[in-house]
Protein backbone atom coordinates (compact mmCIF):
# COMPACT_ATOMS: atom_id res chain seq x y z
CA UNK A 1 0.00 0.00 0.00
CA UNK A 2 1.39 3.39 -1.00
CA UNK A 3 2.00 6.13 1.58
CA UNK A 4 -0.51 8.93 2.10
CA UNK A 5 0.48 11.86 -0.16
CA UNK A 6 0.41 15.23 1.57
CA UNK A 7 1.10 18.50 -0.25
CA UNK A 8 1.57 21.62 1.88
CA UNK A 9 1.51 25.17 0.48
CA UNK A 10 3.29 27.53 2.85
CA UNK A 11 6.23 26.77 5.13
CA UNK A 12 5.41 28.85 8.21
CA UNK A 13 4.77 27.42 11.68
CA UNK A 14 1.61 25.53 10.62
CA UNK A 15 3.12 24.16 7.42
CA UNK A 16 6.36 23.13 9.12
CA UNK A 17 4.59 21.32 11.94
CA UNK A 18 2.19 19.59 9.56
CA UNK A 19 5.06 18.50 7.32
CA UNK A 20 7.33 17.21 10.08
CA UNK A 21 4.63 15.43 12.04
CA UNK A 22 2.85 13.80 9.08
CA UNK A 23 6.20 12.59 7.71
CA UNK A 24 7.03 11.06 11.09
CA UNK A 25 3.68 9.27 10.97
CA UNK A 26 4.53 7.76 7.59
CA UNK A 27 3.20 10.19 4.98
CA UNK A 28 4.91 11.17 1.74
CA UNK A 29 5.20 14.95 2.13
CA UNK A 30 5.91 17.81 -0.28
CA UNK A 31 6.27 21.36 1.10
CA UNK A 32 6.05 24.35 -1.25
CA UNK A 33 7.45 27.67 0.01
CA UNK A 34 7.93 30.91 -1.97
CA UNK A 35 10.21 32.78 0.48
CA UNK A 36 12.09 30.94 3.21
CA UNK A 37 11.25 27.90 5.26
CA UNK A 38 9.88 29.30 8.49
CA UNK A 39 7.60 31.75 6.72
CA UNK A 40 6.66 35.22 7.87
CA UNK A 41 7.42 34.30 11.47
CA UNK A 42 11.12 34.04 10.56
CA UNK A 43 11.18 36.79 7.92
CA UNK A 44 9.12 39.67 9.24
CA UNK A 45 7.00 38.94 12.25
CA UNK A 46 7.66 37.01 15.42
CA UNK A 47 11.41 36.37 15.40
CA UNK A 48 12.89 39.66 14.06
CA UNK A 49 10.53 41.80 16.13
CA UNK A 50 11.36 39.96 19.34
CA UNK A 51 15.09 40.09 18.51
CA UNK A 52 14.87 43.88 18.16
CA UNK A 53 12.84 44.10 21.35
CA UNK A 54 15.56 42.09 23.12
CA UNK A 55 18.14 44.63 21.93
CA UNK A 56 15.92 47.44 23.19
CA UNK A 57 15.53 45.58 26.48
CA UNK A 58 19.30 45.46 26.90
CA UNK A 59 19.44 49.23 26.40
CA UNK A 60 16.60 49.72 28.87
CA UNK A 61 18.32 47.53 31.45
CA UNK A 62 21.51 49.57 31.14
CA UNK A 63 19.54 52.77 31.62
CA UNK A 64 18.40 51.43 35.02
CA UNK A 65 21.89 50.35 36.05
CA UNK A 66 22.17 52.92 38.86
CA UNK A 67 19.35 51.14 40.68
CA UNK A 68 21.50 47.99 40.64
CA UNK A 69 24.44 49.74 42.32
CA UNK A 70 26.30 50.43 39.07
CA UNK A 71 27.54 53.60 37.47
CA UNK A 72 25.30 54.84 34.67
CA UNK A 73 26.00 53.19 31.32
CA UNK A 74 24.70 54.51 28.01
CA UNK A 75 24.26 52.46 24.83
CA UNK A 76 23.55 53.48 21.24
CA UNK A 77 21.96 51.37 18.53
CA UNK A 78 24.28 50.23 15.74
CA UNK A 79 21.90 49.74 12.80
CA UNK A 80 24.40 47.74 10.75
CA UNK A 81 25.14 45.54 13.74
CA UNK A 82 21.42 45.09 14.35
CA UNK A 83 20.85 44.09 10.71
CA UNK A 84 23.65 41.52 10.97
CA UNK A 85 22.16 40.18 14.19
CA UNK A 86 18.73 39.71 12.59
CA UNK A 87 20.24 38.11 9.48
CA UNK A 88 22.26 35.69 11.61
CA UNK A 89 19.23 34.64 13.65
CA UNK A 90 17.15 34.18 10.49
CA UNK A 91 19.85 32.07 8.83
CA UNK A 92 20.31 29.83 11.86
CA UNK A 93 16.59 29.25 12.30
CA UNK A 94 16.06 28.60 8.59
CA UNK A 95 18.94 26.14 8.51
CA UNK A 96 17.74 24.24 11.56
CA UNK A 97 14.14 24.15 10.31
CA UNK A 98 15.19 22.97 6.85
CA UNK A 99 17.48 20.33 8.34
CA UNK A 100 14.65 18.97 10.48
CA UNK A 101 12.34 18.72 7.46
CA UNK A 102 15.00 17.04 5.35
CA UNK A 103 15.78 14.58 8.15
CA UNK A 104 12.14 13.45 7.92
CA UNK A 105 12.46 13.12 4.11
CA UNK A 106 10.13 16.03 3.40
CA UNK A 107 10.57 17.22 -0.19
CA UNK A 108 10.93 21.03 -0.24
CA UNK A 109 10.04 22.94 -3.43
CA UNK A 110 11.06 26.59 -3.69
CA UNK A 111 8.24 28.25 -5.57
CA UNK A 112 4.54 29.07 -5.50
CA UNK A 113 1.79 26.52 -5.24
CA UNK A 114 -1.87 26.59 -6.21
CA UNK A 115 -4.67 24.08 -6.41
CA UNK A 116 -6.03 23.21 -9.85
CA UNK A 117 -8.49 20.61 -8.64
CA UNK A 118 -9.61 18.86 -5.46
CA UNK A 119 -6.59 16.53 -5.44
CA UNK A 120 -4.06 18.29 -7.65
CA UNK A 121 -1.54 21.06 -6.87
CA UNK A 122 0.66 22.92 -9.33
CA UNK A 123 4.02 24.29 -8.17
CA UNK A 124 5.74 27.03 -10.17
CA UNK A 125 9.38 26.68 -9.12
CA UNK A 126 12.02 29.42 -8.83
CA UNK A 127 13.83 28.11 -11.91
CA UNK A 128 10.71 28.23 -14.09
CA UNK A 129 9.59 24.62 -13.89
CA UNK A 130 5.92 23.66 -13.55
CA UNK A 131 5.31 20.60 -11.41
CA UNK A 132 2.00 18.80 -11.01
CA UNK A 133 1.50 17.01 -7.71
CA UNK A 134 -1.25 14.56 -6.82
CA UNK A 135 -2.38 14.73 -3.20
CA UNK A 136 -4.53 12.68 -0.86
CA UNK A 137 -4.55 15.68 1.48
CA UNK A 138 -3.66 19.34 0.93
CA UNK A 139 -2.61 21.74 3.69
CA UNK A 140 -2.90 25.49 3.10
CA UNK A 141 -0.80 27.67 5.41
CA UNK A 142 0.10 30.76 3.43
CA UNK A 143 -0.19 33.24 6.29
CA UNK A 144 -1.08 36.91 6.05
CA UNK A 145 0.35 40.31 5.19
CA UNK A 146 0.04 43.79 6.73
CA UNK A 147 -3.16 45.64 5.94
CA UNK A 148 -2.54 48.93 4.15
CA UNK A 149 -5.43 51.43 4.25
CA UNK A 150 -6.42 53.46 1.20
CA UNK A 151 -5.25 56.70 2.80
CA UNK A 152 -1.60 55.59 3.10
CA UNK A 153 1.04 55.41 0.39
CA UNK A 154 3.67 53.09 1.80
CA UNK A 155 7.16 53.84 0.46
CA UNK A 156 9.36 51.83 2.81
CA UNK A 157 11.34 54.98 3.63
CA UNK A 158 9.14 57.32 5.67
CA UNK A 159 5.80 55.52 5.60
CA UNK A 160 6.37 51.99 6.82
CA UNK A 161 4.55 48.77 7.48
CA UNK A 162 5.87 46.43 10.15
CA UNK A 163 7.83 44.59 7.46
CA UNK A 164 9.95 47.67 6.71
CA UNK A 165 11.01 48.07 10.33
CA UNK A 166 13.41 45.15 10.96
CA UNK A 167 15.24 47.46 11.23
CA UNK A 168 14.09 50.60 9.32
CA UNK A 169 16.35 52.26 6.72
CA UNK A 170 17.25 54.87 9.33
CA UNK A 171 16.46 55.29 13.01
CA UNK A 172 13.36 57.52 13.38
CA UNK A 173 13.65 60.74 15.35
CA UNK A 174 9.90 60.89 15.89
CA UNK A 175 7.88 57.82 14.99
CA UNK A 176 4.10 58.05 14.66
CA UNK A 177 2.55 54.62 15.21
CA UNK A 178 -0.94 54.07 13.78
CA UNK A 179 -2.63 51.19 15.59
CA UNK A 180 -2.67 50.42 19.32
CA UNK A 181 -3.17 46.66 19.25
CA UNK A 182 -0.53 44.09 20.12
CA UNK A 183 1.77 44.85 17.19
CA UNK A 184 1.47 48.60 17.58
CA UNK A 185 2.37 48.68 21.28
CA UNK A 186 5.33 46.36 20.73
CA UNK A 187 6.74 48.78 18.17
CA UNK A 188 6.15 51.70 20.52
CA UNK A 189 8.15 49.94 23.22
CA UNK A 190 10.87 48.93 20.76
CA UNK A 191 11.56 52.39 19.37
CA UNK A 192 11.26 54.19 22.71
CA UNK A 193 13.96 51.82 23.95
CA UNK A 194 16.09 52.84 20.96
CA UNK A 195 15.75 56.49 21.98
CA UNK A 196 13.13 57.70 19.48
CA UNK A 197 10.30 60.05 20.31
CA UNK A 198 7.04 58.17 19.74
CA UNK A 199 3.42 59.20 19.30
CA UNK A 200 0.78 56.46 19.37
CA UNK A 201 -2.58 57.10 17.75
CA UNK A 202 -5.21 55.25 19.81
CA UNK A 203 -8.60 55.00 18.11
CA UNK A 204 -10.28 53.77 21.31
CA UNK A 205 -10.10 55.13 24.83
CA UNK A 206 -7.24 52.84 25.82
CA UNK A 207 -4.54 50.75 24.18
CA UNK A 208 -4.97 47.01 23.61
CA UNK A 209 -8.72 46.94 22.95
CA UNK A 210 -10.11 43.59 24.00
CA UNK A 211 -7.54 43.08 26.73
CA UNK A 212 -8.08 43.45 30.47
CA UNK A 213 -8.50 47.23 31.11
CA UNK A 214 -6.27 46.98 34.18
CA UNK A 215 -3.54 45.44 32.04
CA UNK A 216 -3.95 48.15 29.41
CA UNK A 217 -3.78 50.86 32.09
CA UNK A 218 -0.50 49.44 33.43
CA UNK A 219 1.03 49.59 29.96
CA UNK A 220 -0.25 53.11 29.32
CA UNK A 221 1.32 54.31 32.58
CA UNK A 222 4.65 52.85 31.53
CA UNK A 223 4.39 54.52 28.13
CA UNK A 224 3.62 57.90 29.67
CA UNK A 225 6.48 57.53 32.15
CA UNK A 226 8.83 56.94 29.21
CA UNK A 227 7.64 60.00 27.29
CA UNK A 228 5.25 58.41 24.77
CA UNK A 229 2.49 60.72 23.52
CA UNK A 230 -0.91 58.99 23.44
CA UNK A 231 -3.42 60.51 21.02
CA UNK A 232 -6.66 58.94 22.26
CA UNK A 233 -10.00 58.82 20.50
CA UNK A 234 -8.39 59.63 17.16
CA UNK A 235 -8.43 57.66 13.94
CA UNK A 236 -5.84 58.27 11.24
CA UNK A 237 -7.40 59.24 7.90
CA UNK A 238 -4.40 60.47 5.93
CA UNK A 239 -0.61 60.39 5.79
CA UNK A 240 1.29 62.98 3.77
CA UNK A 241 5.01 63.35 3.18
CA UNK A 242 6.82 66.65 3.23
CA UNK A 243 10.45 67.73 3.15
CA UNK A 244 10.89 67.03 6.88
CA UNK A 245 9.03 63.78 7.22
CA UNK A 246 5.37 62.87 7.54
CA UNK A 247 2.09 64.47 8.55
CA UNK A 248 -0.53 62.11 9.96
CA UNK A 249 -4.05 63.56 9.79
CA UNK A 250 -6.78 62.35 12.15
CA UNK A 251 -10.56 62.33 11.79
CA UNK A 252 -10.98 64.92 14.56
CA UNK A 253 -8.78 67.47 12.80
CA UNK A 254 -5.62 66.85 14.79
CA UNK A 255 -2.38 66.52 12.83
CA UNK A 256 0.78 64.82 14.07
CA UNK A 257 4.13 65.70 12.56
CA UNK A 258 6.87 63.10 12.68
CA UNK A 259 9.94 61.85 10.89
CA UNK A 260 8.35 58.46 10.10
CA UNK A 261 4.95 56.76 10.29
CA UNK A 262 4.41 53.08 10.96
CA UNK A 263 1.17 51.24 10.15
CA UNK A 264 0.13 48.48 12.56
CA UNK A 265 -3.57 48.10 11.85
CA UNK A 266 -4.05 44.41 11.28
CA UNK A 267 -3.43 41.97 8.47
CA UNK A 268 -5.02 40.36 5.43
CA UNK A 269 -4.96 36.62 4.66
CA UNK A 270 -2.94 35.40 1.68
CA UNK A 271 -5.77 33.48 0.05
CA UNK A 272 -5.52 34.88 -3.46
CA UNK A 273 -3.93 32.87 -6.26
CA UNK A 274 -4.28 29.58 -4.39
CA UNK A 275 -6.87 28.19 -6.80
CA UNK A 276 -9.39 27.75 -4.02
CA UNK A 277 -12.36 28.22 -6.32
CA UNK A 278 -11.00 25.49 -8.62
CA UNK A 279 -10.77 23.16 -5.65
CA UNK A 280 -14.25 24.06 -4.37
CA UNK A 281 -12.91 25.53 -1.11
CA UNK A 282 -15.16 28.13 0.53
CA UNK A 283 -13.59 31.50 1.33
CA UNK A 284 -15.42 34.06 3.49
CA UNK A 285 -15.83 37.79 2.78
CA UNK A 286 -12.64 38.62 4.65
CA UNK A 287 -10.57 36.24 2.55
CA UNK A 288 -10.19 33.66 5.33
CA UNK A 289 -10.88 29.96 4.91
CA UNK A 290 -13.24 28.78 7.69
CA UNK A 291 -12.31 25.50 9.34
CA UNK A 292 -13.91 22.91 11.63
CA UNK A 293 -12.40 21.54 14.84
CA UNK A 294 -10.14 19.25 12.77
CA UNK A 295 -8.85 22.27 10.77
CA UNK A 296 -10.70 21.05 7.66
CA UNK A 297 -12.06 23.49 5.08
CA UNK A 298 -15.37 22.99 3.26
CA UNK A 299 -13.53 20.30 1.28
CA UNK A 300 -12.74 17.57 3.86
CA UNK A 301 -9.28 16.64 2.59
CA UNK A 302 -8.15 20.29 2.31
CA UNK A 303 -6.83 21.52 5.66
CA UNK A 304 -5.97 25.07 6.73
CA UNK A 305 -3.62 26.29 9.46
CA UNK A 306 -2.16 29.57 10.67
CA UNK A 307 -3.42 33.07 9.89
CA UNK A 308 -5.31 31.87 6.80
CA UNK A 309 -7.76 30.02 9.07
CA UNK A 310 -8.94 33.22 10.76
CA UNK A 311 -8.24 31.80 14.21
CA UNK A 312 -5.85 33.30 16.75
CA UNK A 313 -2.91 34.76 14.76
CA UNK A 314 -0.21 33.25 16.97
CA UNK A 315 2.74 31.15 15.85
CA UNK A 316 2.13 28.77 18.76
CA UNK A 317 -1.47 28.24 17.66
CA UNK A 318 -0.41 27.74 14.04
CA UNK A 319 2.17 25.11 15.03
CA UNK A 320 -0.38 23.27 17.14
CA UNK A 321 -2.86 23.36 14.25
CA UNK A 322 -0.17 21.82 12.04
CA UNK A 323 0.34 18.93 14.44
CA UNK A 324 -3.40 18.33 14.76
CA UNK A 325 -3.77 18.41 10.98
CA UNK A 326 -1.06 15.78 10.58
CA UNK A 327 -2.70 13.52 13.14
CA UNK A 328 -6.09 13.81 11.47
CA UNK A 329 -4.67 13.16 8.01
CA UNK A 330 -3.01 10.02 9.32
CA UNK A 331 -6.15 8.68 10.96
CA UNK A 332 -5.70 9.82 14.56
CA UNK A 333 -8.99 11.71 14.67
CA UNK A 334 -11.07 9.79 17.19
CA UNK A 335 -9.33 11.26 20.22
CA UNK A 336 -11.38 14.14 21.68
CA UNK A 337 -8.40 15.63 23.51
CA UNK A 338 -6.80 16.23 20.11
CA UNK A 339 -9.26 19.05 19.44
CA UNK A 340 -7.88 22.55 19.90
CA UNK A 341 -9.51 24.84 22.46
CA UNK A 342 -8.55 28.29 21.23
CA UNK A 343 -9.99 29.88 24.37
CA UNK A 344 -7.21 28.25 26.38
CA UNK A 345 -4.30 29.48 24.27
CA UNK A 346 -1.72 31.58 26.08
CA UNK A 347 -0.52 34.80 24.49
CA UNK A 348 2.11 37.40 25.30
CA UNK A 349 2.91 40.99 24.40
CA UNK A 350 6.60 41.81 24.46
CA UNK A 351 6.50 45.31 25.84
CA UNK A 352 8.07 46.66 29.01
CA UNK A 353 6.76 45.37 31.27
CA UNK A 354 5.76 42.21 29.42
CA UNK A 355 2.10 41.23 29.33
CA UNK A 356 0.70 37.71 29.11
CA UNK A 357 -2.68 36.11 29.59
CA UNK A 358 -4.52 32.83 29.21
CA UNK A 359 -8.06 31.52 29.50
CA UNK A 360 -11.06 33.40 30.83
CA UNK A 361 -10.64 37.16 31.29
CA UNK A 362 -12.22 38.96 34.21
CA UNK A 363 -14.18 41.38 32.00
CA UNK A 364 -15.51 38.58 29.80
CA UNK A 365 -16.67 36.61 32.84
CA UNK A 366 -18.61 39.58 34.18
CA UNK A 367 -20.11 40.24 30.74
CA UNK A 368 -21.32 36.61 30.63
CA UNK A 369 -22.67 36.77 34.17
CA UNK A 370 -20.32 34.01 35.36
CA UNK A 371 -19.42 33.74 39.01
CA UNK A 372 -15.68 33.96 39.44
CA UNK A 373 -13.10 34.74 42.06
CA UNK A 374 -10.32 37.16 41.17
CA UNK A 375 -7.14 37.44 43.22
CA UNK A 376 -4.18 39.70 42.51
CA UNK A 377 -0.67 40.03 43.91
CA UNK A 378 1.65 42.90 42.93
CA UNK A 379 5.28 42.15 42.17
CA UNK A 380 6.19 44.89 44.65
CA UNK A 381 5.91 42.23 47.38
CA UNK A 382 8.18 39.81 45.51
CA UNK A 383 11.73 39.42 46.86
CA UNK A 384 13.01 38.47 43.39
CA UNK A 385 11.39 41.57 41.84
CA UNK A 386 13.18 43.75 44.39
CA UNK A 387 16.46 41.93 43.67
CA UNK A 388 15.90 42.66 39.96
CA UNK A 389 15.10 46.30 40.80
CA UNK A 390 11.95 45.91 38.73
CA UNK A 391 8.77 45.52 40.77
CA UNK A 392 6.35 46.73 38.10
CA UNK A 393 3.20 44.76 37.42
CA UNK A 394 1.14 42.05 39.04
CA UNK A 395 -0.25 38.52 38.81
CA UNK A 396 -4.02 38.08 38.51
CA UNK A 397 -5.75 34.69 38.73
CA UNK A 398 -9.38 34.00 37.77
CA UNK A 399 -10.84 30.86 39.37
CA UNK A 400 -14.12 29.11 39.99
CA UNK A 401 -15.29 30.03 43.52
CA UNK A 402 -16.99 26.66 44.02
CA UNK A 403 -14.29 24.28 42.81
CA UNK A 404 -11.14 26.38 42.85
CA UNK A 405 -10.36 25.39 39.26
CA UNK A 406 -8.12 27.94 37.55
CA UNK A 407 -10.07 29.49 34.67
CA UNK A 408 -7.59 32.10 33.49
CA UNK A 409 -5.13 34.75 34.46
CA UNK A 410 -3.04 37.74 33.48
CA UNK A 411 0.54 38.66 34.28
CA UNK A 412 2.11 42.08 33.85
CA UNK A 413 5.81 42.25 34.64
CA UNK A 414 9.27 40.99 33.89
CA UNK A 415 9.36 37.56 32.21
CA UNK A 416 5.53 37.41 31.99
CA UNK A 417 5.81 35.44 28.74
CA UNK A 418 7.66 32.69 30.60
CA UNK A 419 5.59 32.78 33.79
CA UNK A 420 2.27 32.45 31.94
CA UNK A 421 3.22 28.85 31.10
CA UNK A 422 2.41 27.88 34.68
CA UNK A 423 -1.10 29.32 34.42
CA UNK A 424 -1.53 27.89 30.91
CA UNK A 425 -0.79 24.41 32.25
CA UNK A 426 -3.24 24.97 35.11
CA UNK A 427 -6.00 26.13 32.76
CA UNK A 428 -5.53 23.32 30.24
CA UNK A 429 -5.18 20.60 32.89
CA UNK A 430 -8.08 21.87 35.04
CA UNK A 431 -5.80 22.35 38.04
CA UNK A 432 -7.04 24.17 41.12
CA UNK A 433 -5.63 27.09 43.03
CA UNK A 434 -4.65 24.62 45.74
CA UNK A 435 -2.53 22.75 43.20
CA UNK A 436 -0.61 25.98 42.59
CA UNK A 437 -0.31 26.71 46.30
CA UNK A 438 1.07 23.22 46.97
CA UNK A 439 3.70 23.47 44.23
CA UNK A 440 7.20 23.71 45.67
CA UNK A 441 8.43 26.74 43.75
CA UNK A 442 11.93 28.18 43.85
CA UNK A 443 12.71 30.95 46.33
CA UNK A 444 13.42 33.66 45.49
CA UNK A 445 11.62 33.66 42.15
CA UNK A 446 9.00 35.70 40.34
CA UNK A 447 6.91 32.52 40.05
CA UNK A 448 6.25 32.68 43.80
CA UNK A 449 3.75 35.46 43.05
CA UNK A 450 1.61 32.87 41.23
CA UNK A 451 1.35 30.72 44.34
CA UNK A 452 0.67 33.79 46.48
CA UNK A 453 -2.15 34.89 44.18
CA UNK A 454 -3.56 31.35 44.24
CA UNK A 455 -3.40 31.24 48.02
C-alpha cells in the first residue's frame, strides 16, 4: 500500500509542523514555500521583532543600572550591527528548520503553489519549472500580510509597514505609530527603547482593545512615564510626506508631525492565487478559509492552518494546528483531547513590562454573568522583583469560587511570557488554586507570586 500523499503550500509554523509530524507518521510529504522555510514568522513577524525588542531591552536595562548599584552606562543602537544580528538569527533558524524537514524526508520545493483541482496542486518553481503534484490531502498555510489602508502610500522609507522596520532604513527621530493593538504597542516599546520620540494614535479610549483594562492601564502608565504621547480617541485618515518627514491627519482634525509613520492596523490573509475556487474551497468575505475543529475546510481533505484560518494569529497556535492536521490526516482523529480549544491558548505581548494572559478574562466573565473569584498580587511584594530592581506589574488569577479550578489569568511584569506557562498548564489541565499553592516553587523567584495569588 502506497503512503498517504500530503502537499503543503506555505512553510510557516503551521506548514512546518504539519510536514514534520505527518512525515514522522509515515506520509509522503511535499512542502512548497515561496520565500524561506519558516515563513513570515522568521522573515518579518515574530522572530525579528522579538530580537529587536531584546536589543531594546538590553538598552533599557543599562539605563536602570544605577538602581543595581552600578555607574550609569549609556548604549547606542548600531543599525548595521542590528541588521547583521537579525540576518544571523534568520539564517540559523532557517537552517535548523530545513534540516529537520530534510531529516524526515520532506521534499521542499522553492516556488509558489496553487490548487487546480480537489486533489491536484501545481508548483511554479524558482527556476521556471511547472510541477503537477497529486495529493490525498492538501494543507494550506500561506499566512497573512500587513493591511494597508487606502489613505496611506507606503514607500518603505518614511511611511512603513511592520515589514519595513526590521530594522528601518534609518532610526526615526519621531515615529508616529498608527494602531494600538498588540503589534502597535510592541513597536512603541521597541523604538522608545532605541531612543526615538514616539506618538501612538489610539482609536479607542485605551490601548490594547479587547484586553483586560487593568492590564492596558498598566502599559499606558509605563508609556507615559517613558515619554510616549498617546493621542486617544483619534483615527488616522491620511498620511502625507513633506520635506521634513510625515504628517498624519486624524478624523478629529488633529495633525501629528513626525519623521516616520508606521502602520500596525491588522493583516489580510494570503488566500488569493491559491486556486481555491478550482478546488471548491469556501472563502469568506474577509478572505479567510473557515475550518472545523479538525482544521478542515469545506472540502474535507483540504486543511488550513495559521493566519489563513482566521483563528488566533499566533505562531504557537499555528504550530499546534499543524500537528493536529497531521494527526487527522493520518487517521488519529477519534481522540477528543486532540481538538484545539482556542480559548485556552496563552498569548504574550513583548513590551516593558511584558504582558501575558490565558483563559477566561475577568471582564468577559462579568459580561457573561459568570461567578468567578479574582485574586491579585503585585510584584512589589516579591523578593526576586526587588532583587531585579523591577517591581512593576502584578499577577491576577481568575478561578471558579466553588471548585477552585483555575479558569484564566493575566501577568504584567518581567518575564511574563515565561511565567504564563504555569497558568496555561493549570488552565488546560483543570488544576485548582490549591494545586498551585502546593507546588514547591523556587525561592526567590517571580513565580512565587503565582502561588501567592492562588493562596
